[in-house]
Amino acid sequence: MSEGLLVVDKPAGWTSHDVVGRVRRLCGTRRVGHAGTLDPMATGVLVLGVNKGTKLLTFLVGHDKGYVATVRLGQSTVTDDAEGELTGGADAGDVSDQQVADAVAALTGDLHQVPSSVSAIKIEGQRSYARVRAGQDVELAARPVTVSRFDVLTLRRSRLEDRTVLDLDVEVEVSSGTYVRALARDLGTALGVGGHLTALRRTRVGDLTLERAATLEQLDPDTGAGPAAYLIDLAVAARAALPARELTEPQARALSFGQRIDSAEPGRTQPVAAFGPDGTLVAILDESDVRARPHVVLAPAGQK
């Protein structure tokens, strides 16, 4: 039975759940999940776990992410992206390149960002976007995020009916939990003309990049090589995503039974991928204490 990670190049118009459903059918298993959603309009890296690979997903969700996107200045929408109704904005014809550069710089670094109201954040058990669609007013609290890179690649001015808009092709690298469409909204607000996202493509999640991604056509055996050709082995995926620890035979056996072992670096907050002498991924460890405990065991009891 196949297991590991798949990096899918999600097509536009598909929800992340749609992609999971298709991959379940292609892999012949219900045990498929994703490590963080992409909006339907977005494309690019969607990391899926297959069978035991689903156990790794929780350790990938918090990784930083990279995107290329297009921001339109001069129009704002209810969803902060092109899928929502226009709610306002102002002519952006007088916005200079330097003003854009200054506003982008102010949105780079450690920030407190208010997520889009149509995000999947839960409020009293209900998704924020569901409350908005039901006509409720939603106010989400600002949360700390880090925008480590926010570069404007190109800038284009065009005329749309009653106003000039400014389209920016940008490249951003952000911490987990950062909303790129909220960056577009906040950039437009800072410049006084409104803004929203018209295109979004995720280029990486941690070290898993588009270069490793397969399209749904490639994953379909009728049109491509099938999922087995693109499945990333559990051990390979864990080494790419987490710090690694090499185990002795007795340590590997103890962990395979769910037992604790001495921590290699007590106080380490990041999860650690622990490998047996034969290279098998045995467990993901919590080394925050002097005795390490397994977050999750991936090698069956007695198997190295």
Protein backbone atom coordinates (compact mmCIF):
# COMPACT_ATOMS: atom_id res chain seq x y z
CA MET A 1 0.00 0.00 0.00
CA SER A 2 1.53 3.33 -1.08
CA GLU A 3 2.34 5.90 1.57
CA GLY A 4 4.20 9.18 1.73
CA LEU A 5 3.69 12.73 0.51
CA LEU A 6 2.45 14.09 -2.80
CA VAL A 7 3.13 17.65 -3.87
CA VAL A 8 0.25 18.60 -6.17
CA ASP A 9 0.16 21.61 -8.49
CA LYS A 10 -3.43 22.59 -7.69
CA PRO A 11 -5.39 23.93 -10.67
CA ALA A 12 -7.48 27.09 -10.49
CA GLY A 13 -11.15 26.58 -9.70
CA TRP A 14 -10.60 23.51 -7.53
CA THR A 15 -10.99 23.54 -3.77
CA SER A 16 -8.35 21.75 -1.73
CA HIS A 17 -11.06 19.26 -0.73
CA ASP A 18 -11.76 18.60 -4.43
CA VAL A 19 -8.08 17.72 -4.95
CA VAL A 20 -8.06 15.44 -1.90
CA GLY A 21 -11.12 13.64 -3.27
CA ARG A 22 -9.50 13.10 -6.67
CA VAL A 23 -6.26 11.81 -5.13
CA ARG A 24 -8.20 9.43 -2.88
CA ARG A 25 -9.67 7.85 -5.99
CA LEU A 26 -6.36 7.77 -7.83
CA CYS A 27 -4.53 6.19 -4.86
CA GLY A 28 -7.40 3.86 -3.91
CA THR A 29 -7.44 4.94 -0.27
CA ARG A 30 -9.50 7.19 1.98
CA ARG A 31 -6.42 8.11 4.00
CA VAL A 32 -5.46 11.28 2.17
CA GLY A 33 -5.23 14.73 3.76
CA HIS A 34 -3.62 18.10 3.07
CA ALA A 35 -1.19 20.35 4.96
CA GLY A 36 -3.05 23.65 4.60
CA THR A 37 -5.67 24.78 2.11
CA LEU A 38 -5.42 26.92 -0.99
CA ASP A 39 -8.34 29.11 -2.08
CA PRO A 40 -10.17 27.92 -5.22
CA MET A 41 -8.74 30.76 -7.34
CA ALA A 42 -5.18 29.94 -6.23
CA THR A 43 -2.84 27.47 -7.92
CA GLY A 44 0.39 25.79 -6.96
CA VAL A 45 1.84 23.74 -4.14
CA LEU A 46 -0.68 21.70 -2.18
CA VAL A 47 1.01 19.11 0.04
CA LEU A 48 -0.95 15.89 0.51
CA GLY A 49 -0.28 12.95 2.81
CA VAL A 50 -1.19 9.44 1.67
CA ASN A 51 -1.83 6.67 4.24
CA LYS A 52 0.94 6.98 6.88
CA GLY A 53 1.96 10.22 5.21
CA THR A 54 -1.07 11.86 6.81
CA LYS A 55 0.75 11.57 10.15
CA LEU A 56 3.40 13.99 8.90
CA LEU A 57 0.97 16.71 7.83
CA THR A 58 0.56 18.34 11.24
CA PHE A 59 4.33 18.94 11.30
CA LEU A 60 4.27 20.66 7.89
CA VAL A 61 1.38 23.07 8.48
CA GLY A 62 3.55 25.54 10.39
CA HIS A 63 6.26 25.86 7.72
CA ASP A 64 6.87 29.14 5.94
CA LYS A 65 5.49 29.52 2.44
CA GLY A 66 6.34 31.27 -0.81
CA TYR A 67 3.97 32.82 -3.36
CA VAL A 68 3.86 34.80 -6.56
CA ALA A 69 0.77 36.98 -6.84
CA THR A 70 -0.85 39.92 -8.59
CA VAL A 71 -2.24 42.78 -6.50
CA ARG A 72 -4.67 45.25 -8.04
CA LEU A 73 -4.63 48.72 -6.49
CA GLY A 74 -7.67 50.93 -7.08
CA GLN A 75 -10.41 48.41 -6.23
CA SER A 76 -11.37 46.61 -3.04
CA THR A 77 -13.62 43.55 -2.74
CA VAL A 78 -15.56 41.86 0.04
CA THR A 79 -13.24 38.83 -0.08
CA ASP A 80 -9.99 40.77 -0.67
CA ASP A 81 -9.58 38.78 -3.90
CA ALA A 82 -11.08 38.63 -7.38
CA GLU A 83 -13.84 36.21 -6.36
CA GLY A 84 -15.68 38.79 -4.27
CA GLU A 85 -17.95 41.69 -5.17
CA LEU A 86 -16.41 45.13 -5.53
CA THR A 87 -16.91 47.24 -2.42
CA GLY A 88 -15.06 50.41 -3.32
CA GLY A 89 -11.68 51.86 -4.10
CA ALA A 90 -10.34 54.99 -5.74
CA ASP A 91 -8.41 56.00 -8.83
CA ALA A 92 -4.79 54.84 -8.49
CA GLY A 93 -3.43 56.98 -11.31
CA ASP A 94 -1.58 59.33 -8.97
CA VAL A 95 0.05 56.58 -6.90
CA SER A 96 3.78 56.76 -7.60
CA ASP A 97 6.25 53.91 -7.78
CA GLN A 98 7.99 55.31 -4.69
CA GLN A 99 4.75 55.38 -2.71
CA VAL A 100 4.20 51.73 -3.61
CA ALA A 101 7.76 50.87 -2.56
CA ASP A 102 7.35 52.67 0.78
CA ALA A 103 4.03 50.98 1.52
CA VAL A 104 5.43 47.54 0.61
CA ALA A 105 8.41 48.14 2.91
CA ALA A 106 6.04 48.99 5.76
CA LEU A 107 4.30 45.63 5.24
CA THR A 108 7.57 43.67 5.40
CA GLY A 109 8.92 42.12 8.60
CA ASP A 110 7.08 41.25 11.80
CA LEU A 111 3.49 42.47 11.59
CA HIS A 112 0.12 42.17 13.27
CA GLN A 113 -2.27 41.21 10.49
CA VAL A 114 -6.07 41.06 10.59
CA PRO A 115 -7.06 37.98 8.54
CA SER A 116 -9.59 38.29 5.75
CA SER A 117 -13.14 37.97 7.06
CA VAL A 118 -13.78 35.15 4.57
CA SER A 119 -10.95 33.03 5.96
CA ALA A 120 -11.46 29.54 7.38
CA ILE A 121 -10.78 30.73 10.94
CA LYS A 122 -13.42 29.40 13.34
CA ILE A 123 -15.50 31.71 15.52
CA GLU A 124 -17.46 29.82 18.18
CA GLY A 125 -17.25 26.68 16.09
CA GLN A 126 -18.28 28.24 12.77
CA ARG A 127 -15.98 29.22 9.91
CA SER A 128 -15.60 32.96 9.46
CA TYR A 129 -16.46 32.74 5.74
CA ALA A 130 -19.73 30.96 6.58
CA ARG A 131 -20.74 33.78 8.91
CA VAL A 132 -19.94 36.37 6.23
CA ARG A 133 -22.00 34.48 3.63
CA ALA A 134 -24.87 34.36 6.11
CA GLY A 135 -24.82 38.15 6.27
CA GLN A 136 -23.13 38.49 9.65
CA ASP A 137 -20.55 41.15 10.44
CA VAL A 138 -17.25 39.52 11.32
CA GLU A 139 -14.34 41.13 13.10
CA LEU A 140 -11.24 39.00 13.51
CA ALA A 141 -8.42 39.78 15.90
CA ALA A 142 -5.01 40.73 14.53
CA ARG A 143 -2.37 38.03 14.82
CA PRO A 144 1.42 38.16 14.63
CA VAL A 145 2.87 37.14 11.25
CA THR A 146 6.19 37.57 9.48
CA VAL A 147 6.60 38.73 5.91
CA SER A 148 10.24 37.93 5.22
CA ARG A 149 10.09 38.97 1.57
CA PHE A 150 7.71 41.27 -0.32
CA ASP A 151 9.18 42.20 -3.70
CA VAL A 152 7.43 44.07 -6.51
CA LEU A 153 8.54 42.47 -9.79
CA THR A 154 6.52 44.53 -12.27
CA LEU A 155 4.04 47.39 -12.13
CA ARG A 156 1.37 48.07 -14.77
CA ARG A 157 -1.18 50.88 -15.09
CA SER A 158 -4.42 50.45 -17.02
CA ARG A 159 -7.77 52.16 -17.38
CA LEU A 160 -10.94 50.39 -16.22
CA GLU A 161 -14.16 52.28 -16.99
CA ASP A 162 -14.13 55.02 -14.32
CA ARG A 163 -10.62 54.72 -12.91
CA THR A 164 -6.98 53.87 -13.35
CA VAL A 165 -5.82 50.74 -11.59
CA LEU A 166 -2.32 49.64 -10.75
CA ASP A 167 -1.44 45.94 -11.07
CA LEU A 168 1.61 44.73 -9.17
CA ASP A 169 3.22 41.35 -9.80
CA VAL A 170 4.81 40.45 -6.48
CA GLU A 171 6.79 37.69 -4.85
CA VAL A 172 6.33 37.07 -1.14
CA GLU A 173 7.66 34.71 1.50
CA VAL A 174 5.64 34.55 4.69
CA SER A 175 5.21 32.68 7.93
CA SER A 176 2.40 30.19 8.41
CA GLY A 177 -0.93 31.90 9.03
CA THR A 178 -0.19 34.91 6.83
CA TYR A 179 -2.92 35.83 4.33
CA VAL A 180 -1.54 37.18 1.05
CA ARG A 181 -4.92 38.68 0.14
CA ALA A 182 -4.85 40.55 3.45
CA LEU A 183 -1.47 41.96 2.37
CA ALA A 184 -3.15 43.14 -0.86
CA ARG A 185 -5.99 44.69 1.15
CA ASP A 186 -3.63 46.41 3.58
CA LEU A 187 -1.41 47.71 0.79
CA GLY A 188 -4.45 49.30 -0.89
CA THR A 189 -5.61 50.75 2.43
CA ALA A 190 -2.19 52.24 3.16
CA LEU A 191 -2.18 53.95 -0.25
CA GLY A 192 -5.78 55.16 0.12
CA VAL A 193 -7.05 53.51 -3.06
CA GLY A 194 -8.14 50.03 -1.99
CA GLY A 195 -6.62 46.76 -3.14
CA HIS A 196 -7.29 43.11 -3.73
CA LEU A 197 -5.63 39.98 -5.07
CA THR A 198 -6.29 38.97 -8.68
CA ALA A 199 -3.92 35.98 -8.92
CA LEU A 200 -2.11 33.74 -6.44
CA ARG A 201 0.29 30.85 -6.97
CA ARG A 202 1.99 29.05 -4.09
CA THR A 203 5.55 28.16 -5.01
CA ARG A 204 6.65 26.30 -1.90
CA VAL A 205 5.75 24.97 1.54
CA GLY A 206 8.99 24.75 3.51
CA ASP A 207 11.43 22.95 1.22
CA LEU A 208 8.69 21.33 -0.88
CA THR A 209 8.59 23.36 -4.08
CA LEU A 210 6.82 23.48 -7.43
CA GLU A 211 9.75 21.57 -8.94
CA ARG A 212 8.50 18.49 -7.04
CA ALA A 213 4.85 19.07 -7.88
CA ALA A 214 2.70 16.98 -10.20
CA THR A 215 -0.48 18.05 -11.94
CA LEU A 216 -3.68 16.04 -11.58
CA GLU A 217 -3.22 14.91 -15.18
CA GLN A 218 0.23 13.53 -14.32
CA LEU A 219 -1.19 11.74 -11.27
CA ASP A 220 -3.90 10.06 -13.33
CA PRO A 221 -2.66 6.75 -14.81
CA ASP A 222 -4.89 7.33 -17.86
CA THR A 223 -3.09 10.58 -18.76
CA GLY A 224 0.20 10.41 -16.88
CA ALA A 225 2.59 8.25 -14.87
CA GLY A 226 0.23 7.80 -11.89
CA PRO A 227 0.68 8.72 -8.21
CA ALA A 228 3.37 6.15 -7.43
CA ALA A 229 5.79 7.98 -9.73
CA TYR A 230 5.50 11.18 -7.67
CA LEU A 231 5.08 9.84 -4.14
CA ILE A 232 7.78 11.11 -1.78
CA ASP A 233 8.91 8.43 0.67
CA LEU A 234 8.14 9.09 4.35
CA ALA A 235 11.80 9.12 5.36
CA VAL A 236 12.80 11.42 2.49
CA ALA A 237 9.92 13.80 3.26
CA ALA A 238 10.71 13.89 6.98
CA ARG A 239 14.41 14.61 6.35
CA ALA A 240 13.42 17.49 4.07
CA ALA A 241 10.97 18.96 6.55
CA LEU A 242 12.42 18.42 10.04
CA PRO A 243 15.66 18.17 12.00
CA ALA A 244 16.90 14.58 11.91
CA ARG A 245 18.15 12.31 14.70
CA GLU A 246 19.89 9.01 14.07
CA LEU A 247 18.95 6.27 16.55
CA THR A 248 20.71 3.21 17.89
CA GLU A 249 19.00 -0.16 17.53
CA PRO A 250 17.78 -0.18 21.18
CA GLN A 251 16.46 3.40 20.86
CA ALA A 252 14.61 2.58 17.65
CA ARG A 253 13.03 -0.50 19.23
CA ALA A 254 11.97 1.43 22.34
CA LEU A 255 10.35 4.18 20.28
CA SER A 256 8.57 1.67 18.06
CA PHE A 257 6.79 0.52 21.25
CA GLY A 258 5.93 4.13 22.16
CA GLN A 259 8.49 4.33 24.96
CA ARG A 260 10.57 7.37 25.90
CA ILE A 261 14.30 7.74 25.31
CA ASP A 262 16.85 10.36 26.37
CA SER A 263 16.63 13.62 24.44
CA ALA A 264 19.58 14.49 22.23
CA GLU A 265 18.93 18.23 22.74
CA PRO A 266 16.67 18.76 25.78
CA GLY A 267 14.57 21.90 25.47
CA ARG A 268 14.30 21.76 21.67
CA THR A 269 10.86 23.03 20.69
CA GLN A 270 10.83 21.87 17.06
CA PRO A 271 9.69 18.30 16.34
CA VAL A 272 12.48 15.92 15.37
CA ALA A 273 12.41 13.10 12.81
CA ALA A 274 14.02 9.99 14.35
CA PHE A 275 15.56 7.37 12.03
CA GLY A 276 16.60 3.80 12.71
CA PRO A 277 20.03 2.41 11.75
CA ASP A 278 18.57 1.20 8.43
CA GLY A 279 17.20 4.65 7.56
CA THR A 280 13.57 3.83 8.46
CA LEU A 281 11.54 6.74 9.85
CA VAL A 282 10.66 5.43 13.31
CA ALA A 283 8.92 8.39 14.96
CA ILE A 284 8.52 12.14 15.23
CA LEU A 285 9.94 13.16 18.60
CA ASP A 286 9.19 15.81 21.20
CA GLU A 287 12.54 16.66 22.81
CA SER A 288 11.29 19.55 24.93
CA ASP A 289 12.08 17.58 28.10
CA VAL A 290 15.12 15.54 29.15
CA ARG A 291 13.23 12.43 28.11
CA ALA A 292 12.00 12.48 24.53
CA ARG A 293 8.55 11.16 23.78
CA PRO A 294 7.13 10.27 20.38
CA HIS A 295 4.55 12.68 18.94
CA VAL A 296 3.72 9.87 16.57
CA VAL A 297 5.20 6.42 15.87
CA LEU A 298 5.55 5.48 12.22
CA ALA A 299 7.40 2.14 12.46
CA PRO A 300 5.30 -0.73 13.83
CA ALA A 301 6.35 -2.23 17.16
CA GLY A 302 9.42 -4.40 16.71
CA GLN A 303 10.26 -2.91 13.28
CA LYS A 304 13.37 -0.74 13.03
